[in-house]
């Protein structure tokens, strides 16, 4: 599945920014691209929205009243239920220290304002594709783990089954080796009996003709 089809069918994006114009602009861009969009104007509202329904990706501003973007990110990454949600910081702060801090907290990407529409869409699609592949890999790993656990739990039964299967094959082979000569002998018993009776009759006649 491509990143574009992912965005058009399943992806829910939460935009967190205290500037209304930014919220409106980003919402229009993402909605036109086929995303499902939600909004939060501060960090507290963002955490509430994520808890109610975890999004597939979060666009997060840094400078906000109350909880700033760094604090929101740290909280989400410290919570097991939300730590895998990719977070892209979208901020006017362009110092290297700001970016390094964002990545240290677990951010997936960092975009500086003013931003280019095409860049935002491409970075979002890349992160969604990575998330999708990661979820597929996790599901496959879980399937393998389940299969391994089953094999471990049933190892004794499987070994016993293999032993019995091997024993049955050996018994079948021995029976086959025995059955061939027995069948041959049984098939010739009648002929041997006839030969014996003829020989016995001949001996008796000879004895009658030549008693001495």
Protein backbone atom coordinates (compact mmCIF):
# COMPACT_ATOMS: atom_id res chain seq x y z
CA UNK A 1 0.00 0.00 0.00
CA UNK A 2 1.43 3.40 -0.92
CA UNK A 3 1.67 6.43 1.31
CA UNK A 4 -0.93 8.28 -0.76
CA UNK A 5 -3.52 5.55 -0.40
CA UNK A 6 -2.80 5.39 3.31
CA UNK A 7 -3.51 9.09 3.68
CA UNK A 8 -6.71 8.85 1.69
CA UNK A 9 -8.23 5.92 3.52
CA UNK A 10 -7.09 5.55 7.11
CA UNK A 11 -4.98 8.37 8.46
CA UNK A 12 -6.18 10.62 11.25
CA UNK A 13 -3.97 13.64 11.97
CA UNK A 14 -4.09 15.86 15.06
CA UNK A 15 -2.86 19.44 14.56
CA UNK A 16 -1.78 21.22 17.74
CA UNK A 17 -1.19 24.97 17.43
CA UNK A 18 -2.34 27.98 19.45
CA UNK A 19 -2.46 30.23 16.36
CA UNK A 20 -5.87 29.97 14.70
CA UNK A 21 -4.60 30.96 11.24
CA UNK A 22 -2.08 28.11 11.32
CA UNK A 23 -4.77 25.65 12.33
CA UNK A 24 -7.07 26.73 9.52
CA UNK A 25 -4.34 26.68 6.86
CA UNK A 26 -2.96 23.30 7.84
CA UNK A 27 -6.46 21.81 8.15
CA UNK A 28 -7.34 22.93 4.63
CA UNK A 29 -4.10 21.58 3.17
CA UNK A 30 -4.45 18.19 4.84
CA UNK A 31 -8.19 17.85 4.23
CA UNK A 32 -7.70 18.53 0.52
CA UNK A 33 -5.00 15.84 0.50
CA UNK A 34 -7.51 13.33 1.84
CA UNK A 35 -6.56 13.21 5.52
CA UNK A 36 -8.97 13.15 8.44
CA UNK A 37 -8.05 16.19 10.56
CA UNK A 38 -8.58 17.14 14.20
CA UNK A 39 -7.47 20.30 15.99
CA UNK A 40 -6.23 21.33 19.43
CA UNK A 41 -5.27 24.87 20.47
CA UNK A 42 -3.07 23.96 23.44
CA UNK A 43 -1.17 21.10 25.00
CA UNK A 44 -3.85 20.12 27.50
CA UNK A 45 -6.48 19.80 24.77
CA UNK A 46 -4.02 17.79 22.70
CA UNK A 47 -3.46 15.23 25.45
CA UNK A 48 -7.21 14.94 26.00
CA UNK A 49 -7.80 14.40 22.27
CA UNK A 50 -5.08 11.77 22.04
CA UNK A 51 -6.42 9.92 25.06
CA UNK A 52 -9.94 9.90 23.62
CA UNK A 53 -8.85 8.61 20.22
CA UNK A 54 -5.14 8.16 19.39
CA UNK A 55 -4.36 9.70 15.98
CA UNK A 56 -2.05 8.24 13.36
CA UNK A 57 0.20 11.30 13.45
CA UNK A 58 0.55 14.59 15.35
CA UNK A 59 1.67 17.96 13.99
CA UNK A 60 2.86 19.78 17.09
CA UNK A 61 3.82 23.40 17.68
CA UNK A 62 6.37 24.19 20.42
CA UNK A 63 5.55 27.63 21.82
CA UNK A 64 2.07 27.36 23.35
CA UNK A 65 0.50 28.64 26.60
CA UNK A 66 0.45 26.13 29.45
CA UNK A 67 2.05 22.89 28.29
CA UNK A 68 4.47 23.58 25.45
CA UNK A 69 5.16 21.17 22.61
CA UNK A 70 8.19 19.65 24.29
CA UNK A 71 6.17 18.77 27.39
CA UNK A 72 3.35 17.29 25.32
CA UNK A 73 5.82 15.18 23.36
CA UNK A 74 7.58 13.97 26.51
CA UNK A 75 4.25 12.96 28.06
CA UNK A 76 3.12 11.04 24.98
CA UNK A 77 6.44 9.23 24.58
CA UNK A 78 6.41 8.23 28.25
CA UNK A 79 2.98 6.57 27.89
CA UNK A 80 2.90 3.07 26.42
CA UNK A 81 -0.41 3.57 24.61
CA UNK A 82 0.81 6.66 22.75
CA UNK A 83 4.58 6.33 22.48
CA UNK A 84 4.46 4.87 18.97
CA UNK A 85 2.48 7.80 17.49
CA UNK A 86 4.81 9.77 15.16
CA UNK A 87 5.16 13.42 16.15
CA UNK A 88 6.30 16.07 13.67
CA UNK A 89 7.23 19.37 15.28
CA UNK A 90 6.10 22.37 13.23
CA UNK A 91 7.69 25.46 14.75
CA UNK A 92 9.20 28.85 14.02
CA UNK A 93 12.16 27.90 16.22
CA UNK A 94 14.97 27.02 13.85
CA UNK A 95 17.99 26.82 16.16
CA UNK A 96 19.87 23.53 16.08
CA UNK A 97 19.47 23.15 19.84
CA UNK A 98 15.67 23.27 19.45
CA UNK A 99 15.74 20.57 16.81
CA UNK A 100 18.12 18.37 18.79
CA UNK A 101 15.91 18.67 21.86
CA UNK A 102 12.87 17.68 19.81
CA UNK A 103 14.57 14.56 18.46
CA UNK A 104 15.91 13.67 21.91
CA UNK A 105 12.34 13.67 23.19
CA UNK A 106 11.33 11.20 20.47
CA UNK A 107 10.09 13.40 17.62
CA UNK A 108 9.92 11.71 14.22
CA UNK A 109 10.60 14.90 12.22
CA UNK A 110 10.96 18.67 12.51
CA UNK A 111 9.63 21.32 10.09
CA UNK A 112 10.36 25.02 10.49
CA UNK A 113 7.89 27.82 9.77
CA UNK A 114 7.18 29.26 7.30
CA UNK A 115 6.70 25.89 5.64
CA UNK A 116 6.09 24.67 2.11
CA UNK A 117 2.88 22.74 1.50
CA UNK A 118 4.57 20.05 -0.58
CA UNK A 119 7.25 19.50 2.07
CA UNK A 120 4.69 19.09 4.85
CA UNK A 121 2.65 16.57 2.83
CA UNK A 122 5.71 14.57 1.83
CA UNK A 123 7.07 14.39 5.36
CA UNK A 124 3.66 13.35 6.69
CA UNK A 125 3.30 10.64 4.04
CA UNK A 126 6.80 9.31 4.80
CA UNK A 127 6.06 9.04 8.51
CA UNK A 128 2.71 7.35 7.88
CA UNK A 129 4.37 4.83 5.60
CA UNK A 130 7.01 4.08 8.23
CA UNK A 131 4.28 3.67 10.86
CA UNK A 132 2.31 1.35 8.59
CA UNK A 133 5.35 -0.85 7.90
CA UNK A 134 6.25 -0.89 11.59
CA UNK A 135 2.74 -2.05 12.50
CA UNK A 136 2.92 -4.79 9.85
CA UNK A 137 6.27 -5.96 11.22
CA UNK A 138 4.93 -5.96 14.78
CA UNK A 139 1.92 -8.02 13.69
CA UNK A 140 4.17 -10.56 11.92
CA UNK A 141 6.46 -10.76 14.95
CA UNK A 142 3.44 -11.44 17.15
CA UNK A 143 2.32 -14.23 14.82
CA UNK A 144 5.79 -15.78 14.97
CA UNK A 145 5.86 -15.48 18.75
CA UNK A 146 2.46 -17.16 19.00
CA UNK A 147 3.61 -19.99 16.75
CA UNK A 148 6.82 -20.42 18.77
CA UNK A 149 4.89 -20.48 22.05
CA UNK A 150 2.57 -23.13 20.60
CA UNK A 151 5.52 -25.26 19.51
CA UNK A 152 7.11 -24.97 22.96
CA UNK A 153 3.87 -25.86 24.74
CA UNK A 154 3.26 -28.84 22.47
CA UNK A 155 6.86 -29.95 22.04
CA UNK A 156 6.41 -33.19 24.03
CA UNK A 157 3.29 -34.13 22.06
CA UNK A 158 4.99 -33.36 18.76
CA UNK A 159 8.04 -35.46 19.67
CA UNK A 160 5.82 -38.33 20.78
CA UNK A 161 3.84 -38.07 17.56
CA UNK A 162 7.04 -38.18 15.51
CA UNK A 163 8.26 -41.20 17.50
CA UNK A 164 5.00 -43.05 16.93
CA UNK A 165 5.06 -42.13 13.24
CA UNK A 166 8.60 -43.49 12.93
CA UNK A 167 7.69 -46.64 14.88
CA UNK A 168 4.69 -47.24 12.64
CA UNK A 169 6.87 -46.90 9.56
CA UNK A 170 9.40 -49.37 11.00
CA UNK A 171 6.67 -51.90 11.91
CA UNK A 172 5.20 -51.55 8.43
CA UNK A 173 8.60 -52.25 6.88
CA UNK A 174 9.23 -55.32 9.06
CA UNK A 175 5.75 -56.65 8.35
CA UNK A 176 6.38 -56.22 4.65
CA UNK A 177 9.67 -58.13 4.84
CA UNK A 178 8.01 -60.97 6.77
CA UNK A 179 4.89 -61.04 4.65
CA UNK A 180 6.73 -61.67 1.37
CA UNK A 181 8.30 -65.09 2.25
CA UNK A 182 5.23 -66.15 4.23
CA UNK A 183 3.05 -65.39 1.24
CA UNK A 184 5.42 -67.34 -1.00
CA UNK A 185 5.38 -70.36 1.32
CA UNK A 186 1.62 -70.27 1.78
CA UNK A 187 1.12 -70.12 -1.97
CA UNK A 188 3.23 -73.28 -2.51
CA UNK A 189 1.99 -75.46 0.37
CA UNK A 190 -0.67 -77.13 -1.77
CA UNK A 191 1.86 -77.97 -4.52
CA UNK A 192 4.31 -79.36 -1.98
CA UNK A 193 1.57 -81.51 -0.46
CA UNK A 194 0.70 -82.91 -3.91
CA UNK A 195 4.35 -83.71 -4.58
CA UNK A 196 4.67 -85.42 -1.22
CA UNK A 197 1.58 -87.61 -1.81
CA UNK A 198 2.88 -88.69 -5.25
CA UNK A 199 6.28 -89.50 -3.77
CA UNK A 200 4.68 -91.46 -0.89
CA UNK A 201 2.48 -93.44 -3.28
CA UNK A 202 5.50 -94.26 -5.47
CA UNK A 203 7.50 -95.53 -2.49
CA UNK A 204 4.63 -97.72 -1.35
CA UNK A 205 4.28 -99.29 -4.82
CA UNK A 206 7.98 -99.91 -4.99
CA UNK A 207 7.90 -101.62 -1.59
CA UNK A 208 4.96 -103.76 -2.68
CA UNK A 209 6.75 -104.85 -5.85
CA UNK A 210 10.12 -105.37 -4.22
CA UNK A 211 9.49 -106.29 -0.58
CA UNK A 212 13.09 -107.57 -0.12
